[in-house]
Amino acid sequence: MDSEVGDELLARFQRSDPRFSPMGNIQAALGRLQLRHIDAFNAGARRNGQILTRELSDVPGIRVPPADGDHIYVYYPIAVEGGRRDELRDLLLRHGVDTKTSDMADCGLLESFRGADAPLSPGQKPLEASVLEICVYPAISESAIRRIARVIRGWAGLSPTASRASQAPAG
């Protein structure tokens, strides 16, 4: 939910008298079949996120999520400093890498979570304005993930071929 329109959307949703219905039989059957593949999917997404964490952790102007060996990313979020997110996104697109800007709002900025007694500070901007999300589906090969990291490292003016993690002796 985009924080720019989040409060309005949330209010409209609350007024709409939302109703939820259970899955149909065909949806449930397909979902059960997909569960057979969930462990492999999660392992591949986890692997790709770990590669990006290792390769991008020393890149100036980029903040990666904390290293967590158990986290499963579908989209790997990086915070790009200095208002350069769109510049990096354009470069990645020119290299055939599709990304997306964050659609996740800081819920603390939404009135429903903030409360009337905690107004926003003037000029307070949500973090998602700097977040770029990179797809790390397990179908994306390790070599393709490493190529994405090389493009980002080159954009930051670093050697695209060697991160600190890549240069560390095998243990």
N, C-alpha and C. Protein backbone atom coordinates (compact mmCIF):
# COMPACT_ATOMS: atom_id res chain seq x y z
N MET A 1 0.85 -1.17 0.00
CA MET A 1 0.00 0.00 0.00
C MET A 1 0.90 1.23 0.00
N ASP A 2 0.75 2.07 -0.94
CA ASP A 2 1.57 3.26 -1.08
C ASP A 2 1.17 4.27 -0.01
N SER A 3 2.13 4.77 0.75
CA SER A 3 1.81 5.68 1.84
C SER A 3 1.25 7.01 1.34
N GLU A 4 1.52 7.36 0.07
CA GLU A 4 0.98 8.60 -0.48
C GLU A 4 -0.55 8.57 -0.51
N VAL A 5 -1.12 7.42 -0.80
CA VAL A 5 -2.58 7.29 -0.86
C VAL A 5 -3.06 6.24 0.13
N GLY A 6 -2.20 5.77 0.99
CA GLY A 6 -2.52 4.69 1.90
C GLY A 6 -3.69 4.97 2.81
N ASP A 7 -3.73 6.14 3.44
CA ASP A 7 -4.82 6.45 4.36
C ASP A 7 -6.15 6.47 3.62
N GLU A 8 -6.15 7.05 2.42
CA GLU A 8 -7.38 7.12 1.63
C GLU A 8 -7.85 5.73 1.23
N LEU A 9 -6.93 4.88 0.76
CA LEU A 9 -7.30 3.52 0.38
C LEU A 9 -7.80 2.72 1.56
N LEU A 10 -7.13 2.85 2.69
CA LEU A 10 -7.53 2.12 3.88
C LEU A 10 -8.93 2.54 4.33
N ALA A 11 -9.21 3.83 4.32
CA ALA A 11 -10.53 4.32 4.71
C ALA A 11 -11.60 3.82 3.75
N ARG A 12 -11.31 3.85 2.45
CA ARG A 12 -12.27 3.38 1.46
C ARG A 12 -12.54 1.88 1.64
N PHE A 13 -11.50 1.12 1.93
CA PHE A 13 -11.66 -0.31 2.16
C PHE A 13 -12.54 -0.56 3.38
N GLN A 14 -12.31 0.20 4.45
CA GLN A 14 -13.10 0.01 5.67
C GLN A 14 -14.57 0.32 5.43
N ARG A 15 -14.88 1.30 4.58
CA ARG A 15 -16.27 1.66 4.27
C ARG A 15 -16.92 0.69 3.30
N SER A 16 -16.14 -0.12 2.60
CA SER A 16 -16.69 -0.97 1.55
C SER A 16 -17.37 -2.23 2.05
N ASP A 17 -17.35 -2.49 3.35
CA ASP A 17 -17.93 -3.70 3.92
C ASP A 17 -17.33 -4.92 3.23
N PRO A 18 -16.01 -5.10 3.35
CA PRO A 18 -15.34 -6.18 2.62
C PRO A 18 -15.83 -7.55 3.08
N ARG A 19 -15.94 -8.45 2.13
CA ARG A 19 -16.34 -9.82 2.41
C ARG A 19 -15.30 -10.75 1.78
N PHE A 20 -15.02 -11.79 2.47
CA PHE A 20 -14.04 -12.76 1.98
C PHE A 20 -14.74 -14.09 1.81
N SER A 21 -14.42 -14.77 0.73
CA SER A 21 -15.01 -16.09 0.51
C SER A 21 -13.89 -17.12 0.46
N PRO A 22 -14.20 -18.35 0.84
CA PRO A 22 -13.16 -19.38 0.82
C PRO A 22 -12.77 -19.72 -0.62
N MET A 23 -11.62 -20.36 -0.77
CA MET A 23 -11.16 -20.79 -2.09
C MET A 23 -12.15 -21.79 -2.68
N GLY A 24 -12.23 -21.77 -3.99
CA GLY A 24 -12.99 -22.81 -4.68
C GLY A 24 -12.21 -24.10 -4.69
N ASN A 25 -12.84 -25.19 -5.01
CA ASN A 25 -12.17 -26.49 -5.00
C ASN A 25 -10.98 -26.55 -5.94
N ILE A 26 -11.12 -25.98 -7.13
CA ILE A 26 -10.01 -26.03 -8.09
C ILE A 26 -8.82 -25.21 -7.59
N GLN A 27 -9.09 -24.06 -6.97
CA GLN A 27 -8.00 -23.25 -6.42
C GLN A 27 -7.29 -24.00 -5.30
N ALA A 28 -8.06 -24.64 -4.44
CA ALA A 28 -7.48 -25.39 -3.33
C ALA A 28 -6.64 -26.56 -3.85
N ALA A 29 -7.14 -27.26 -4.87
CA ALA A 29 -6.40 -28.39 -5.43
C ALA A 29 -5.07 -27.93 -6.03
N LEU A 30 -5.09 -26.82 -6.76
CA LEU A 30 -3.85 -26.29 -7.35
C LEU A 30 -2.89 -25.85 -6.26
N GLY A 31 -3.40 -25.21 -5.23
CA GLY A 31 -2.56 -24.79 -4.12
C GLY A 31 -1.89 -25.95 -3.43
N ARG A 32 -2.63 -27.02 -3.23
CA ARG A 32 -2.05 -28.21 -2.60
C ARG A 32 -0.94 -28.81 -3.47
N LEU A 33 -1.13 -28.82 -4.78
CA LEU A 33 -0.09 -29.33 -5.68
C LEU A 33 1.17 -28.46 -5.61
N GLN A 34 0.98 -27.16 -5.54
CA GLN A 34 2.13 -26.25 -5.48
C GLN A 34 2.92 -26.41 -4.19
N LEU A 35 2.26 -26.83 -3.12
CA LEU A 35 2.96 -27.01 -1.85
C LEU A 35 4.06 -28.07 -1.95
N ARG A 36 3.97 -28.97 -2.92
CA ARG A 36 5.01 -29.98 -3.11
C ARG A 36 6.34 -29.33 -3.50
N HIS A 37 6.27 -28.15 -4.07
CA HIS A 37 7.48 -27.48 -4.59
C HIS A 37 7.95 -26.33 -3.69
N ILE A 38 7.27 -26.10 -2.59
CA ILE A 38 7.56 -24.90 -1.79
C ILE A 38 8.97 -24.92 -1.20
N ASP A 39 9.45 -26.07 -0.75
CA ASP A 39 10.79 -26.12 -0.14
C ASP A 39 11.88 -25.78 -1.16
N ALA A 40 11.75 -26.31 -2.38
CA ALA A 40 12.74 -26.00 -3.42
C ALA A 40 12.65 -24.53 -3.82
N PHE A 41 11.44 -24.01 -3.93
CA PHE A 41 11.27 -22.59 -4.26
C PHE A 41 11.93 -21.73 -3.19
N ASN A 42 11.64 -22.02 -1.94
CA ASN A 42 12.20 -21.22 -0.84
C ASN A 42 13.72 -21.31 -0.80
N ALA A 43 14.27 -22.49 -1.03
CA ALA A 43 15.73 -22.65 -1.01
C ALA A 43 16.39 -21.82 -2.11
N GLY A 44 15.79 -21.82 -3.30
CA GLY A 44 16.36 -21.04 -4.40
C GLY A 44 16.26 -19.55 -4.16
N ALA A 45 15.13 -19.09 -3.64
CA ALA A 45 14.98 -17.66 -3.35
C ALA A 45 15.93 -17.24 -2.23
N ARG A 46 16.09 -18.10 -1.22
CA ARG A 46 17.01 -17.81 -0.12
C ARG A 46 18.44 -17.72 -0.65
N ARG A 47 18.83 -18.67 -1.52
CA ARG A 47 20.18 -18.68 -2.11
C ARG A 47 20.44 -17.37 -2.86
N ASN A 48 19.50 -16.96 -3.70
CA ASN A 48 19.69 -15.74 -4.49
C ASN A 48 19.79 -14.50 -3.61
N GLY A 49 18.98 -14.43 -2.56
CA GLY A 49 19.07 -13.30 -1.62
C GLY A 49 20.42 -13.27 -0.91
N GLN A 50 20.91 -14.44 -0.52
CA GLN A 50 22.21 -14.51 0.16
C GLN A 50 23.34 -14.06 -0.77
N ILE A 51 23.26 -14.42 -2.04
CA ILE A 51 24.28 -13.98 -3.00
C ILE A 51 24.29 -12.46 -3.07
N LEU A 52 23.12 -11.84 -3.20
CA LEU A 52 23.07 -10.38 -3.29
C LEU A 52 23.56 -9.73 -2.00
N THR A 53 23.23 -10.31 -0.86
CA THR A 53 23.72 -9.76 0.41
C THR A 53 25.25 -9.78 0.44
N ARG A 54 25.84 -10.90 0.06
CA ARG A 54 27.32 -11.00 0.05
C ARG A 54 27.93 -10.03 -0.95
N GLU A 55 27.39 -9.96 -2.14
CA GLU A 55 28.00 -9.17 -3.21
C GLU A 55 27.76 -7.67 -3.08
N LEU A 56 26.72 -7.27 -2.38
CA LEU A 56 26.38 -5.84 -2.32
C LEU A 56 26.61 -5.20 -0.96
N SER A 57 27.02 -5.98 0.05
CA SER A 57 27.12 -5.43 1.40
C SER A 57 28.16 -4.33 1.54
N ASP A 58 29.15 -4.28 0.67
CA ASP A 58 30.19 -3.26 0.77
C ASP A 58 30.03 -2.14 -0.27
N VAL A 59 28.89 -2.09 -0.94
CA VAL A 59 28.69 -1.10 -1.99
C VAL A 59 28.25 0.23 -1.36
N PRO A 60 29.03 1.29 -1.57
CA PRO A 60 28.64 2.59 -1.01
C PRO A 60 27.37 3.10 -1.68
N GLY A 61 26.50 3.68 -0.87
CA GLY A 61 25.25 4.23 -1.39
C GLY A 61 24.14 3.22 -1.50
N ILE A 62 24.42 1.97 -1.13
CA ILE A 62 23.43 0.90 -1.15
C ILE A 62 23.35 0.31 0.25
N ARG A 63 22.13 0.15 0.74
CA ARG A 63 21.94 -0.53 2.02
C ARG A 63 21.15 -1.80 1.75
N VAL A 64 21.72 -2.94 2.14
CA VAL A 64 21.06 -4.23 1.94
C VAL A 64 20.40 -4.65 3.24
N PRO A 65 19.45 -5.58 3.16
CA PRO A 65 18.83 -6.08 4.40
C PRO A 65 19.88 -6.79 5.25
N PRO A 66 19.64 -6.88 6.54
CA PRO A 66 20.59 -7.60 7.40
C PRO A 66 20.74 -9.05 6.93
N ALA A 67 21.94 -9.58 7.06
CA ALA A 67 22.19 -10.97 6.67
C ALA A 67 21.38 -11.87 7.60
N ASP A 68 20.51 -12.64 7.03
CA ASP A 68 19.67 -13.57 7.78
C ASP A 68 19.54 -14.81 6.94
N GLY A 69 20.25 -15.85 7.30
CA GLY A 69 20.28 -17.06 6.51
C GLY A 69 18.94 -17.74 6.34
N ASP A 70 17.95 -17.33 7.09
CA ASP A 70 16.67 -18.02 7.01
C ASP A 70 15.60 -17.21 6.30
N HIS A 71 15.92 -15.99 5.87
CA HIS A 71 14.90 -15.15 5.24
C HIS A 71 14.69 -15.57 3.79
N ILE A 72 13.44 -15.56 3.36
CA ILE A 72 13.10 -15.93 1.99
C ILE A 72 12.58 -14.70 1.29
N TYR A 73 13.34 -14.22 0.32
CA TYR A 73 12.92 -13.06 -0.47
C TYR A 73 12.30 -13.53 -1.77
N VAL A 74 11.27 -12.85 -2.20
CA VAL A 74 10.79 -12.98 -3.57
C VAL A 74 11.34 -11.78 -4.33
N TYR A 75 11.26 -10.62 -3.67
CA TYR A 75 11.91 -9.40 -4.17
C TYR A 75 12.90 -8.98 -3.10
N TYR A 76 14.14 -8.77 -3.51
CA TYR A 76 15.21 -8.39 -2.59
C TYR A 76 15.28 -6.87 -2.54
N PRO A 77 14.98 -6.26 -1.38
CA PRO A 77 14.95 -4.80 -1.31
C PRO A 77 16.31 -4.20 -1.00
N ILE A 78 16.71 -3.22 -1.78
CA ILE A 78 17.92 -2.45 -1.46
C ILE A 78 17.50 -0.99 -1.34
N ALA A 79 18.07 -0.31 -0.37
CA ALA A 79 17.83 1.13 -0.21
C ALA A 79 18.97 1.85 -0.91
N VAL A 80 18.61 2.75 -1.81
CA VAL A 80 19.60 3.48 -2.59
C VAL A 80 19.62 4.91 -2.07
N GLU A 81 20.77 5.34 -1.60
CA GLU A 81 20.90 6.67 -0.99
C GLU A 81 21.02 7.78 -2.03
N GLY A 82 20.77 8.96 -1.58
CA GLY A 82 21.03 10.16 -2.37
C GLY A 82 20.09 10.38 -3.54
N GLY A 83 18.89 9.85 -3.48
CA GLY A 83 17.93 10.08 -4.56
C GLY A 83 18.35 9.47 -5.88
N ARG A 84 19.17 8.41 -5.84
CA ARG A 84 19.69 7.81 -7.08
C ARG A 84 18.99 6.50 -7.44
N ARG A 85 17.91 6.18 -6.76
CA ARG A 85 17.21 4.93 -7.02
C ARG A 85 16.79 4.80 -8.48
N ASP A 86 16.17 5.83 -9.03
CA ASP A 86 15.67 5.75 -10.40
C ASP A 86 16.80 5.64 -11.42
N GLU A 87 17.92 6.28 -11.11
CA GLU A 87 19.11 6.17 -11.97
C GLU A 87 19.59 4.72 -12.03
N LEU A 88 19.67 4.08 -10.86
CA LEU A 88 20.09 2.68 -10.82
C LEU A 88 19.05 1.79 -11.49
N ARG A 89 17.80 2.08 -11.28
CA ARG A 89 16.74 1.28 -11.91
C ARG A 89 16.84 1.36 -13.43
N ASP A 90 17.06 2.55 -13.96
CA ASP A 90 17.20 2.72 -15.41
C ASP A 90 18.40 1.93 -15.94
N LEU A 91 19.52 1.99 -15.23
CA LEU A 91 20.71 1.24 -15.65
C LEU A 91 20.43 -0.26 -15.66
N LEU A 92 19.81 -0.76 -14.61
CA LEU A 92 19.51 -2.18 -14.56
C LEU A 92 18.58 -2.59 -15.69
N LEU A 93 17.61 -1.75 -15.99
CA LEU A 93 16.70 -2.06 -17.09
C LEU A 93 17.45 -2.13 -18.42
N ARG A 94 18.39 -1.21 -18.63
CA ARG A 94 19.20 -1.24 -19.86
C ARG A 94 20.04 -2.51 -19.96
N HIS A 95 20.31 -3.14 -18.80
CA HIS A 95 21.05 -4.40 -18.76
C HIS A 95 20.11 -5.61 -18.69
N GLY A 96 18.84 -5.38 -18.95
CA GLY A 96 17.88 -6.48 -19.00
C GLY A 96 17.38 -6.97 -17.66
N VAL A 97 17.57 -6.16 -16.62
CA VAL A 97 17.14 -6.55 -15.28
C VAL A 97 15.90 -5.74 -14.91
N ASP A 98 14.80 -6.44 -14.74
CA ASP A 98 13.56 -5.78 -14.36
C ASP A 98 13.53 -5.64 -12.84
N THR A 99 13.18 -4.47 -12.38
CA THR A 99 13.08 -4.21 -10.95
C THR A 99 11.74 -3.54 -10.69
N LYS A 100 11.44 -3.31 -9.45
CA LYS A 100 10.24 -2.54 -9.12
C LYS A 100 10.54 -1.64 -7.94
N THR A 101 9.82 -0.55 -7.89
CA THR A 101 9.93 0.31 -6.73
C THR A 101 9.04 -0.30 -5.66
N SER A 102 9.33 0.02 -4.44
CA SER A 102 8.62 -0.62 -3.34
C SER A 102 7.15 -0.26 -3.32
N ASP A 103 6.34 -1.26 -3.06
CA ASP A 103 4.92 -1.00 -2.86
C ASP A 103 4.55 -1.21 -1.39
N MET A 104 5.57 -1.35 -0.57
CA MET A 104 5.33 -1.55 0.85
C MET A 104 5.54 -0.24 1.59
N ALA A 105 4.50 0.20 2.25
CA ALA A 105 4.58 1.44 3.01
C ALA A 105 5.04 1.15 4.43
N ASP A 106 5.64 2.14 5.03
CA ASP A 106 5.93 2.08 6.46
C ASP A 106 4.59 2.30 7.15
N CYS A 107 4.04 1.25 7.72
CA CYS A 107 2.70 1.34 8.30
C CYS A 107 2.62 2.42 9.38
N GLY A 108 3.73 2.74 10.00
CA GLY A 108 3.73 3.79 11.02
C GLY A 108 3.39 5.16 10.45
N LEU A 109 3.47 5.30 9.12
CA LEU A 109 3.12 6.57 8.49
C LEU A 109 1.63 6.65 8.16
N LEU A 110 0.92 5.53 8.23
CA LEU A 110 -0.51 5.51 7.94
C LEU A 110 -1.29 5.91 9.19
N GLU A 111 -2.29 6.75 9.00
CA GLU A 111 -3.05 7.28 10.12
C GLU A 111 -3.63 6.17 11.00
N SER A 112 -4.10 5.10 10.39
CA SER A 112 -4.71 4.02 11.17
C SER A 112 -3.73 3.40 12.15
N PHE A 113 -2.46 3.38 11.81
CA PHE A 113 -1.45 2.81 12.69
C PHE A 113 -0.77 3.86 13.55
N ARG A 114 -0.75 5.09 13.05
CA ARG A 114 -0.06 6.18 13.73
C ARG A 114 -0.92 6.72 14.86
N GLY A 115 -2.21 6.82 14.63
CA GLY A 115 -3.10 7.40 15.64
C GLY A 115 -3.15 8.90 15.47
N ALA A 116 -4.24 9.48 15.88
CA ALA A 116 -4.45 10.93 15.73
C ALA A 116 -3.48 11.73 16.58
N ASP A 117 -2.98 11.16 17.65
CA ASP A 117 -2.10 11.90 18.55
C ASP A 117 -0.63 11.87 18.13
N ALA A 118 -0.33 11.27 16.99
CA ALA A 118 1.07 11.19 16.53
C ALA A 118 1.16 11.65 15.08
N PRO A 119 1.05 12.95 14.83
CA PRO A 119 1.13 13.43 13.44
C PRO A 119 2.53 13.24 12.87
N LEU A 120 2.60 13.22 11.56
CA LEU A 120 3.89 13.15 10.88
C LEU A 120 4.67 14.43 11.11
N SER A 121 5.98 14.28 11.18
CA SER A 121 6.83 15.46 11.24
C SER A 121 6.82 16.12 9.87
N PRO A 122 6.91 17.47 9.83
CA PRO A 122 6.94 18.14 8.52
C PRO A 122 8.12 17.63 7.69
N GLY A 123 7.86 17.31 6.45
CA GLY A 123 8.90 16.85 5.55
C GLY A 123 9.30 15.40 5.72
N GLN A 124 8.64 14.68 6.64
CA GLN A 124 8.97 13.27 6.84
C GLN A 124 8.60 12.49 5.59
N LYS A 125 9.57 11.74 5.05
CA LYS A 125 9.35 10.97 3.83
C LYS A 125 9.45 9.50 4.15
N PRO A 126 8.63 8.70 3.51
CA PRO A 126 8.71 7.27 3.75
C PRO A 126 9.98 6.67 3.16
N LEU A 127 10.51 5.64 3.81
CA LEU A 127 11.71 4.96 3.34
C LEU A 127 11.52 4.39 1.95
N GLU A 128 10.30 3.94 1.61
CA GLU A 128 10.11 3.27 0.33
C GLU A 128 10.45 4.17 -0.85
N ALA A 129 10.58 5.47 -0.65
CA ALA A 129 10.96 6.36 -1.74
C ALA A 129 12.38 6.07 -2.23
N SER A 130 13.17 5.34 -1.44
CA SER A 130 14.53 5.01 -1.85
C SER A 130 14.72 3.53 -2.12
N VAL A 131 13.69 2.72 -1.96
CA VAL A 131 13.84 1.27 -2.07
C VAL A 131 13.61 0.80 -3.50
N LEU A 132 14.53 -0.06 -3.93
CA LEU A 132 14.44 -0.71 -5.23
C LEU A 132 14.40 -2.21 -4.94
N GLU A 133 13.48 -2.91 -5.57
CA GLU A 133 13.33 -4.34 -5.32
C GLU A 133 13.77 -5.13 -6.54
N ILE A 134 14.64 -6.11 -6.30
CA ILE A 134 15.20 -6.96 -7.35
C ILE A 134 14.57 -8.34 -7.20
N CYS A 135 14.05 -8.86 -8.28
CA CYS A 135 13.43 -10.18 -8.27
C CYS A 135 14.49 -11.25 -8.05
N VAL A 136 14.25 -12.15 -7.11
CA VAL A 136 15.18 -13.24 -6.84
C VAL A 136 14.50 -14.60 -6.89
N TYR A 137 13.50 -14.73 -7.76
CA TYR A 137 12.85 -16.03 -7.92
C TYR A 137 13.90 -17.11 -8.11
N PRO A 138 13.65 -18.31 -7.63
CA PRO A 138 14.65 -19.37 -7.76
C PRO A 138 14.91 -19.78 -9.21
N ALA A 139 14.02 -19.45 -10.11
CA ALA A 139 14.26 -19.76 -11.53
C ALA A 139 15.37 -18.90 -12.11
N ILE A 140 15.74 -17.83 -11.42
CA ILE A 140 16.84 -16.97 -11.85
C ILE A 140 18.13 -17.64 -11.40
N SER A 141 19.01 -17.91 -12.33
CA SER A 141 20.23 -18.65 -12.02
C SER A 141 21.19 -17.84 -11.15
N GLU A 142 22.09 -18.57 -10.48
CA GLU A 142 23.12 -17.91 -9.68
C GLU A 142 23.96 -16.98 -10.54
N SER A 143 24.27 -17.41 -11.76
CA SER A 143 25.11 -16.55 -12.62
C SER A 143 24.36 -15.27 -12.98
N ALA A 144 23.06 -15.33 -13.18
CA ALA A 144 22.29 -14.13 -13.49
C ALA A 144 22.23 -13.20 -12.28
N ILE A 145 22.11 -13.77 -11.08
CA ILE A 145 22.10 -12.95 -9.86
C ILE A 145 23.46 -12.28 -9.68
N ARG A 146 24.53 -13.01 -9.94
CA ARG A 146 25.87 -12.43 -9.81
C ARG A 146 26.09 -11.33 -10.88
N ARG A 147 25.52 -11.51 -12.06
CA ARG A 147 25.61 -10.46 -13.09
C ARG A 147 24.90 -9.19 -12.63
N ILE A 148 23.75 -9.33 -11.99
CA ILE A 148 23.04 -8.16 -11.44
C ILE A 148 23.92 -7.45 -10.43
N ALA A 149 24.57 -8.23 -9.55
CA ALA A 149 25.46 -7.63 -8.55
C ALA A 149 26.62 -6.91 -9.22
N ARG A 150 27.17 -7.48 -10.29
CA ARG A 150 28.29 -6.81 -11.00
C ARG A 150 27.84 -5.48 -11.59
N VAL A 151 26.64 -5.44 -12.15
CA VAL A 151 26.14 -4.18 -12.73
C VAL A 151 26.00 -3.13 -11.63
N ILE A 152 25.46 -3.52 -10.48
CA ILE A 152 25.28 -2.57 -9.38
C ILE A 152 26.63 -2.11 -8.85
N ARG A 153 27.58 -3.02 -8.71
CA ARG A 153 28.91 -2.64 -8.24
C ARG A 153 29.57 -1.67 -9.22
N GLY A 154 29.43 -1.93 -10.51
CA GLY A 154 30.00 -1.03 -11.51
C GLY A 154 29.35 0.34 -11.45
N TRP A 155 28.03 0.38 -11.25
CA TRP A 155 27.30 1.65 -11.11
C TRP A 155 27.85 2.47 -9.95
N ALA A 156 28.25 1.78 -8.87
CA ALA A 156 28.76 2.46 -7.68
C ALA A 156 30.24 2.79 -7.79
N GLY A 157 30.86 2.42 -8.91
CA GLY A 157 32.26 2.74 -9.11
C GLY A 157 33.20 1.71 -8.51
N LEU A 158 32.69 0.54 -8.14
CA LEU A 158 33.53 -0.52 -7.58
C LEU A 158 33.88 -1.51 -8.68
N SER A 159 34.87 -2.30 -8.41
CA SER A 159 35.20 -3.38 -9.33
C SER A 159 33.99 -4.30 -9.43
N PRO A 160 33.47 -4.50 -10.61
CA PRO A 160 32.29 -5.35 -10.74
C PRO A 160 32.59 -6.82 -10.55
N THR A 161 33.87 -7.18 -10.46
CA THR A 161 34.21 -8.60 -10.42
C THR A 161 34.55 -9.11 -9.04
N ALA A 162 34.78 -8.25 -8.06
CA ALA A 162 35.24 -8.76 -6.77
C ALA A 162 34.65 -7.97 -5.61
N SER A 163 33.81 -8.60 -4.85
CA SER A 163 33.33 -8.00 -3.61
C SER A 163 34.25 -8.48 -2.49
N ARG A 164 34.12 -7.90 -1.32
CA ARG A 164 34.89 -8.38 -0.18
C ARG A 164 34.59 -9.84 0.09
N ALA A 165 33.31 -10.21 0.00
CA ALA A 165 32.93 -11.61 0.27
C ALA A 165 33.54 -12.55 -0.75
N SER A 166 33.62 -12.12 -2.01
CA SER A 166 34.20 -12.97 -3.05
C SER A 166 35.70 -13.16 -2.85
N GLN A 167 36.36 -12.18 -2.23
CA GLN A 167 37.80 -12.25 -2.07
C GLN A 167 38.19 -12.99 -0.79
N ALA A 168 37.23 -13.25 0.09
CA ALA A 168 37.54 -13.92 1.35
C ALA A 168 37.99 -15.36 1.07
N PRO A 169 39.00 -15.81 1.81
CA PRO A 169 39.44 -17.19 1.60
C PRO A 169 38.34 -18.16 2.00
N ALA A 170 38.28 -19.27 1.29
CA ALA A 170 37.27 -20.28 1.60
C ALA A 170 37.59 -20.87 2.97
N GLY A 171 36.54 -21.08 3.75
CA GLY A 171 36.78 -21.54 5.11
C GLY A 171 36.21 -22.82 5.30
